[in-house]
Amino acid sequence: MAPAINAELVERARSLARPKKLSKDCISAEVGCALVTSKNSLFVGVSIDADCGMGTCPEHGAIQNMLASGESGIKTIVAVAVDGTILPPCGRCRELIYQVSGKNRDTNIIVGNIRPEN
């Protein structure tokens, strides 16, 4: 993907990172994720952090939305925290990316320490 398109994907993920306290035990959207499929569809997801330990990374939500739409090939993916920090996928997320399609071994994973300008 071109740098301008990567920047747009980063901004889309960052725009989702708007924490919401769901209950005394659960918060969502501390991290947002955006991905583009091999068919150029866009899917998004947000993190869920539950005190019980059953939360999920935002990549899982974006991938679930993609799969629900009948796609499995990920061209590019990024996760961005509420402070604008780009976060690499954890091992569990990387494994899911690779297992939903062997072609995802070529996925462009946007990483870095880019933060928004204030």
C-alpha atoms as a PDB file:
ATOM      1  CA  MET A   1       0.000   0.000   0.000  1.00  0.00           C
ATOM      2  CA  ALA A   2       1.109   3.521  -0.667  1.00  0.00           C
ATOM      3  CA  PRO A   3       2.206   5.653   2.330  1.00  0.00           C
ATOM      4  CA  ALA A   4      -0.858   7.919   1.967  1.00  0.00           C
ATOM      5  CA  ILE A   5      -3.162   4.900   2.142  1.00  0.00           C
ATOM      6  CA  ASN A   6      -1.254   3.575   5.172  1.00  0.00           C
ATOM      7  CA  ALA A   7      -1.677   6.987   6.841  1.00  0.00           C
ATOM      8  CA  GLU A   8      -5.427   6.852   6.163  1.00  0.00           C
ATOM      9  CA  LEU A   9      -5.632   3.366   7.683  1.00  0.00           C
ATOM     10  CA  VAL A  10      -3.680   4.506  10.753  1.00  0.00           C
ATOM     11  CA  GLU A  11      -6.007   7.482  11.163  1.00  0.00           C
ATOM     12  CA  ARG A  12      -9.091   5.246  10.834  1.00  0.00           C
ATOM     13  CA  ALA A  13      -7.781   2.922  13.564  1.00  0.00           C
ATOM     14  CA  ARG A  14      -6.844   5.890  15.766  1.00  0.00           C
ATOM     15  CA  SER A  15     -10.334   7.381  15.378  1.00  0.00           C
ATOM     16  CA  LEU A  16     -11.798   4.203  16.909  1.00  0.00           C
ATOM     17  CA  ALA A  17      -9.636   4.425  20.040  1.00  0.00           C
ATOM     18  CA  ARG A  18     -12.157   6.169  22.247  1.00  0.00           C
ATOM     19  CA  PRO A  19     -12.319   4.339  25.568  1.00  0.00           C
ATOM     20  CA  LYS A  20     -15.768   3.661  26.957  1.00  0.00           C
ATOM     21  CA  LYS A  21     -16.398   2.275  30.429  1.00  0.00           C
ATOM     22  CA  LEU A  22     -18.994  -0.441  29.863  1.00  0.00           C
ATOM     23  CA  SER A  23     -19.252  -1.485  33.496  1.00  0.00           C
ATOM     24  CA  LYS A  24     -17.115  -1.390  36.635  1.00  0.00           C
ATOM     25  CA  ASP A  25     -15.338  -4.457  35.242  1.00  0.00           C
ATOM     26  CA  CYS A  26     -15.040  -3.725  31.533  1.00  0.00           C
ATOM     27  CA  ILE A  27     -13.768  -1.028  29.173  1.00  0.00           C
ATOM     28  CA  SER A  28     -13.785  -0.997  25.391  1.00  0.00           C
ATOM     29  CA  ALA A  29     -11.925   0.844  22.634  1.00  0.00           C
ATOM     30  CA  GLU A  30      -8.630   1.669  24.313  1.00  0.00           C
ATOM     31  CA  VAL A  31      -7.160   0.394  21.025  1.00  0.00           C
ATOM     32  CA  GLY A  32      -8.678   0.511  17.547  1.00  0.00           C
ATOM     33  CA  CYS A  33      -7.825  -1.634  14.521  1.00  0.00           C
ATOM     34  CA  ALA A  34      -8.387  -1.186  10.818  1.00  0.00           C
ATOM     35  CA  LEU A  35      -7.599  -3.658   8.068  1.00  0.00           C
ATOM     36  CA  VAL A  36      -7.878  -3.746   4.312  1.00  0.00           C
ATOM     37  CA  THR A  37      -8.572  -7.059   2.624  1.00  0.00           C
ATOM     38  CA  SER A  38      -7.150  -8.459  -0.562  1.00  0.00           C
ATOM     39  CA  LYS A  39     -10.441  -7.315  -2.172  1.00  0.00           C
ATOM     40  CA  ASN A  40      -9.857  -3.766  -0.826  1.00  0.00           C
ATOM     41  CA  SER A  41     -12.661  -3.926   1.737  1.00  0.00           C
ATOM     42  CA  LEU A  42     -12.191  -2.095   5.048  1.00  0.00           C
ATOM     43  CA  PHE A  43     -12.996  -3.697   8.392  1.00  0.00           C
ATOM     44  CA  VAL A  44     -12.519  -2.339  11.901  1.00  0.00           C
ATOM     45  CA  GLY A  45     -12.536  -3.519  15.493  1.00  0.00           C
ATOM     46  CA  VAL A  46     -11.929  -2.260  19.028  1.00  0.00           C
ATOM     47  CA  SER A  47     -10.342  -3.784  22.094  1.00  0.00           C
ATOM     48  CA  ILE A  48     -12.315  -5.106  25.032  1.00  0.00           C
ATOM     49  CA  ASP A  49     -10.558  -5.167  28.409  1.00  0.00           C
ATOM     50  CA  ALA A  50     -12.471  -7.144  31.037  1.00  0.00           C
ATOM     51  CA  ASP A  51     -11.261  -7.727  34.587  1.00  0.00           C
ATOM     52  CA  CYS A  52     -12.072 -11.425  34.229  1.00  0.00           C
ATOM     53  CA  GLY A  53      -9.332 -11.758  31.584  1.00  0.00           C
ATOM     54  CA  MET A  54     -11.699 -12.580  28.713  1.00  0.00           C
ATOM     55  CA  GLY A  55     -11.115  -9.390  26.756  1.00  0.00           C
ATOM     56  CA  THR A  56     -10.013  -9.275  23.144  1.00  0.00           C
ATOM     57  CA  CYS A  57      -7.585  -7.367  21.006  1.00  0.00           C
ATOM     58  CA  PRO A  58      -9.038  -5.076  18.334  1.00  0.00           C
ATOM     59  CA  GLU A  59      -7.501  -7.196  15.578  1.00  0.00           C
ATOM     60  CA  HIS A  60      -9.825 -10.033  16.556  1.00  0.00           C
ATOM     61  CA  GLY A  61     -12.881  -7.815  16.143  1.00  0.00           C
ATOM     62  CA  ALA A  62     -11.752  -6.562  12.736  1.00  0.00           C
ATOM     63  CA  ILE A  63     -10.956 -10.110  11.598  1.00  0.00           C
ATOM     64  CA  GLN A  64     -14.322 -11.395  12.849  1.00  0.00           C
ATOM     65  CA  ASN A  65     -16.105  -8.646  10.890  1.00  0.00           C
ATOM     66  CA  MET A  66     -14.064  -9.548   7.803  1.00  0.00           C
ATOM     67  CA  LEU A  67     -14.896 -13.254   8.140  1.00  0.00           C
ATOM     68  CA  ALA A  68     -18.598 -12.471   8.663  1.00  0.00           C
ATOM     69  CA  SER A  69     -18.512 -10.754   5.275  1.00  0.00           C
ATOM     70  CA  GLY A  70     -17.015 -13.802   3.608  1.00  0.00           C
ATOM     71  CA  GLU A  71     -13.436 -12.582   3.208  1.00  0.00           C
ATOM     72  CA  SER A  72     -10.225 -13.947   4.735  1.00  0.00           C
ATOM     73  CA  GLY A  73      -7.303 -12.297   2.911  1.00  0.00           C
ATOM     74  CA  ILE A  74      -5.705  -9.381   4.786  1.00  0.00           C
ATOM     75  CA  LYS A  75      -3.632  -6.982   2.702  1.00  0.00           C
ATOM     76  CA  THR A  76      -2.779  -4.475   5.483  1.00  0.00           C
ATOM     77  CA  ILE A  77      -3.593  -4.204   9.196  1.00  0.00           C
ATOM     78  CA  VAL A  78      -2.839  -1.697  11.956  1.00  0.00           C
ATOM     79  CA  ALA A  79      -3.755  -1.228  15.625  1.00  0.00           C
ATOM     80  CA  VAL A  80      -3.527   2.173  17.310  1.00  0.00           C
ATOM     81  CA  ALA A  81      -3.831   3.031  21.018  1.00  0.00           C
ATOM     82  CA  VAL A  82      -5.778   5.957  22.409  1.00  0.00           C
ATOM     83  CA  ASP A  83      -2.557   8.017  22.673  1.00  0.00           C
ATOM     84  CA  GLY A  84      -1.844   7.443  18.965  1.00  0.00           C
ATOM     85  CA  THR A  85       0.859   4.825  19.433  1.00  0.00           C
ATOM     86  CA  ILE A  86       0.890   2.178  16.725  1.00  0.00           C
ATOM     87  CA  LEU A  87       0.980  -1.252  18.363  1.00  0.00           C
ATOM     88  CA  PRO A  88       2.274  -4.434  16.737  1.00  0.00           C
ATOM     89  CA  PRO A  89      -0.064  -7.436  16.906  1.00  0.00           C
ATOM     90  CA  CYS A  90       0.539  -9.710  19.875  1.00  0.00           C
ATOM     91  CA  GLY A  91       1.416 -13.355  19.248  1.00  0.00           C
ATOM     92  CA  ARG A  92      -2.210 -14.453  19.565  1.00  0.00           C
ATOM     93  CA  CYS A  93      -3.268 -11.902  16.921  1.00  0.00           C
ATOM     94  CA  ARG A  94      -0.413 -12.821  14.572  1.00  0.00           C
ATOM     95  CA  GLU A  95      -1.391 -16.463  14.854  1.00  0.00           C
ATOM     96  CA  LEU A  96      -5.028 -15.652  14.030  1.00  0.00           C
ATOM     97  CA  ILE A  97      -3.982 -13.523  11.038  1.00  0.00           C
ATOM     98  CA  TYR A  98      -1.960 -16.434   9.660  1.00  0.00           C
ATOM     99  CA  GLN A  99      -4.476 -19.166  10.446  1.00  0.00           C
ATOM    100  CA  VAL A 100      -7.510 -17.588   8.749  1.00  0.00           C
ATOM    101  CA  SER A 101      -5.595 -17.722   5.450  1.00  0.00           C
ATOM    102  CA  GLY A 102      -2.144 -18.965   4.535  1.00  0.00           C
ATOM    103  CA  LYS A 103      -1.924 -16.021   2.128  1.00  0.00           C
ATOM    104  CA  ASN A 104      -1.865 -13.722   5.158  1.00  0.00           C
ATOM    105  CA  ARG A 105       1.814 -14.541   5.674  1.00  0.00           C
ATOM    106  CA  ASP A 106       2.331 -11.674   3.209  1.00  0.00           C
ATOM    107  CA  THR A 107       0.130  -9.233   5.172  1.00  0.00           C
ATOM    108  CA  ASN A 108       1.561  -5.729   5.525  1.00  0.00           C
ATOM    109  CA  ILE A 109       1.553  -5.072   9.282  1.00  0.00           C
ATOM    110  CA  ILE A 110       1.968  -1.365   9.961  1.00  0.00           C
ATOM    111  CA  VAL A 111       4.298  -0.859  12.928  1.00  0.00           C
ATOM    112  CA  GLY A 112       6.241   2.083  14.271  1.00  0.00           C
ATOM    113  CA  ASN A 113       6.199   4.742  16.900  1.00  0.00           C
ATOM    114  CA  ILE A 114       4.188   7.354  15.027  1.00  0.00           C
ATOM    115  CA  ARG A 115       2.121   9.603  17.249  1.00  0.00           C
ATOM    116  CA  PRO A 116      -0.362  12.252  16.165  1.00  0.00           C
ATOM    117  CA  GLU A 117       0.805  15.858  16.012  1.00  0.00           C
ATOM    118  CA  ASN A 118      -0.670  18.051  18.749  1.00  0.00           C
END
